[in-house]
């Protein structure tokens, strides 16, 4: 299950684990103009872990989901 909200400066997607037990805490993804952040509460540390991806890293992640195992680099367009 997931939710989508449009804020004034970001689109917020929350992924809610509705799979089998044990369930993981919700993941919140905030897409801003120049970065994307991913946050999840960590019960072991009682803190929220946050990862920030640049748009280039997000592009690479998107491509990686559809490619076989290996090492890749985007070629610059001329």
C-alpha atoms as a PDB file:
ATOM      1  CA  UNK A   1       0.000   0.000   0.000  1.00  0.00           C
ATOM      2  CA  UNK A   2       1.194   3.550  -0.606  1.00  0.00           C
ATOM      3  CA  UNK A   3       0.055   7.146  -0.435  1.00  0.00           C
ATOM      4  CA  UNK A   4       0.951  10.160  -2.603  1.00  0.00           C
ATOM      5  CA  UNK A   5       0.805  13.785  -1.440  1.00  0.00           C
ATOM      6  CA  UNK A   6       1.755  16.919  -3.355  1.00  0.00           C
ATOM      7  CA  UNK A   7       3.338  19.553  -1.109  1.00  0.00           C
ATOM      8  CA  UNK A   8       4.313  23.072  -2.214  1.00  0.00           C
ATOM      9  CA  UNK A   9       7.961  22.057  -2.837  1.00  0.00           C
ATOM     10  CA  UNK A  10       7.904  18.241  -3.068  1.00  0.00           C
ATOM     11  CA  UNK A  11       5.927  15.152  -3.917  1.00  0.00           C
ATOM     12  CA  UNK A  12       5.759  12.788  -0.929  1.00  0.00           C
ATOM     13  CA  UNK A  13       5.256   9.041  -1.401  1.00  0.00           C
ATOM     14  CA  UNK A  14       4.816   6.846   1.673  1.00  0.00           C
ATOM     15  CA  UNK A  15       5.252   3.092   1.269  1.00  0.00           C
ATOM     16  CA  UNK A  16       3.370   1.088   3.892  1.00  0.00           C
ATOM     17  CA  UNK A  17       4.471  -2.513   4.407  1.00  0.00           C
ATOM     18  CA  UNK A  18       1.373  -4.676   4.135  1.00  0.00           C
ATOM     19  CA  UNK A  19       3.233  -7.891   3.320  1.00  0.00           C
ATOM     20  CA  UNK A  20       3.963 -10.840   5.558  1.00  0.00           C
ATOM     21  CA  UNK A  21       5.260 -10.639   9.090  1.00  0.00           C
ATOM     22  CA  UNK A  22       7.548  -9.180  10.325  1.00  0.00           C
ATOM     23  CA  UNK A  23       6.392  -5.838   8.950  1.00  0.00           C
ATOM     24  CA  UNK A  24       8.894  -3.042   8.313  1.00  0.00           C
ATOM     25  CA  UNK A  25       8.294   0.590   9.252  1.00  0.00           C
ATOM     26  CA  UNK A  26       6.892   2.958   6.622  1.00  0.00           C
ATOM     27  CA  UNK A  27       9.279   4.434   4.056  1.00  0.00           C
ATOM     28  CA  UNK A  28       8.806   8.083   3.087  1.00  0.00           C
ATOM     29  CA  UNK A  29      10.184   9.310  -0.244  1.00  0.00           C
ATOM     30  CA  UNK A  30      10.259  13.066  -0.869  1.00  0.00           C
ATOM     31  CA  UNK A  31      10.999  14.215  -4.429  1.00  0.00           C
ATOM     32  CA  UNK A  32      12.251  17.808  -4.575  1.00  0.00           C
ATOM     33  CA  UNK A  33      13.486  19.701  -7.661  1.00  0.00           C
ATOM     34  CA  UNK A  34      17.156  18.751  -7.152  1.00  0.00           C
ATOM     35  CA  UNK A  35      17.223  15.772  -4.755  1.00  0.00           C
ATOM     36  CA  UNK A  36      15.167  12.838  -3.524  1.00  0.00           C
ATOM     37  CA  UNK A  37      15.187  11.795   0.132  1.00  0.00           C
ATOM     38  CA  UNK A  38      14.278   8.379   1.534  1.00  0.00           C
ATOM     39  CA  UNK A  39      13.464   8.075   5.247  1.00  0.00           C
ATOM     40  CA  UNK A  40      12.587   5.143   7.511  1.00  0.00           C
ATOM     41  CA  UNK A  41      12.297   4.875  11.287  1.00  0.00           C
ATOM     42  CA  UNK A  42      14.893   2.524  12.802  1.00  0.00           C
ATOM     43  CA  UNK A  43      13.593   0.956  16.030  1.00  0.00           C
ATOM     44  CA  UNK A  44      17.087  -0.330  16.918  1.00  0.00           C
ATOM     45  CA  UNK A  45      18.450   3.226  17.241  1.00  0.00           C
ATOM     46  CA  UNK A  46      15.118   4.972  17.936  1.00  0.00           C
ATOM     47  CA  UNK A  47      15.973   7.406  15.119  1.00  0.00           C
ATOM     48  CA  UNK A  48      14.855   8.036  11.554  1.00  0.00           C
ATOM     49  CA  UNK A  49      17.464   7.090   8.955  1.00  0.00           C
ATOM     50  CA  UNK A  50      17.645   9.426   5.947  1.00  0.00           C
ATOM     51  CA  UNK A  51      19.302   8.939   2.566  1.00  0.00           C
ATOM     52  CA  UNK A  52      19.602  11.756   0.013  1.00  0.00           C
ATOM     53  CA  UNK A  53      19.956  10.915  -3.683  1.00  0.00           C
ATOM     54  CA  UNK A  54      20.977  13.356  -6.396  1.00  0.00           C
ATOM     55  CA  UNK A  55      18.943  13.323  -9.582  1.00  0.00           C
ATOM     56  CA  UNK A  56      21.852  11.523 -11.322  1.00  0.00           C
ATOM     57  CA  UNK A  57      21.820   8.808  -8.639  1.00  0.00           C
ATOM     58  CA  UNK A  58      18.055   8.470  -9.011  1.00  0.00           C
ATOM     59  CA  UNK A  59      18.468   8.113 -12.809  1.00  0.00           C
ATOM     60  CA  UNK A  60      21.096   5.406 -12.245  1.00  0.00           C
ATOM     61  CA  UNK A  61      18.846   3.568  -9.776  1.00  0.00           C
ATOM     62  CA  UNK A  62      15.955   3.652 -12.228  1.00  0.00           C
ATOM     63  CA  UNK A  63      18.150   2.209 -14.993  1.00  0.00           C
ATOM     64  CA  UNK A  64      19.672  -0.406 -12.676  1.00  0.00           C
ATOM     65  CA  UNK A  65      16.273  -1.907 -11.911  1.00  0.00           C
ATOM     66  CA  UNK A  66      15.990  -3.047 -15.555  1.00  0.00           C
ATOM     67  CA  UNK A  67      19.576  -4.174 -16.243  1.00  0.00           C
ATOM     68  CA  UNK A  68      21.424  -7.452 -15.642  1.00  0.00           C
ATOM     69  CA  UNK A  69      24.303  -7.762 -13.182  1.00  0.00           C
ATOM     70  CA  UNK A  70      27.337  -5.678 -14.148  1.00  0.00           C
ATOM     71  CA  UNK A  71      28.962  -2.239 -14.008  1.00  0.00           C
ATOM     72  CA  UNK A  72      27.535   0.605 -16.080  1.00  0.00           C
ATOM     73  CA  UNK A  73      28.095   4.289 -16.855  1.00  0.00           C
ATOM     74  CA  UNK A  74      25.851   6.655 -18.798  1.00  0.00           C
ATOM     75  CA  UNK A  75      27.554   8.120 -21.856  1.00  0.00           C
ATOM     76  CA  UNK A  76      27.328  11.895 -22.195  1.00  0.00           C
ATOM     77  CA  UNK A  77      25.303  13.044 -25.220  1.00  0.00           C
ATOM     78  CA  UNK A  78      27.203  15.114 -27.750  1.00  0.00           C
END
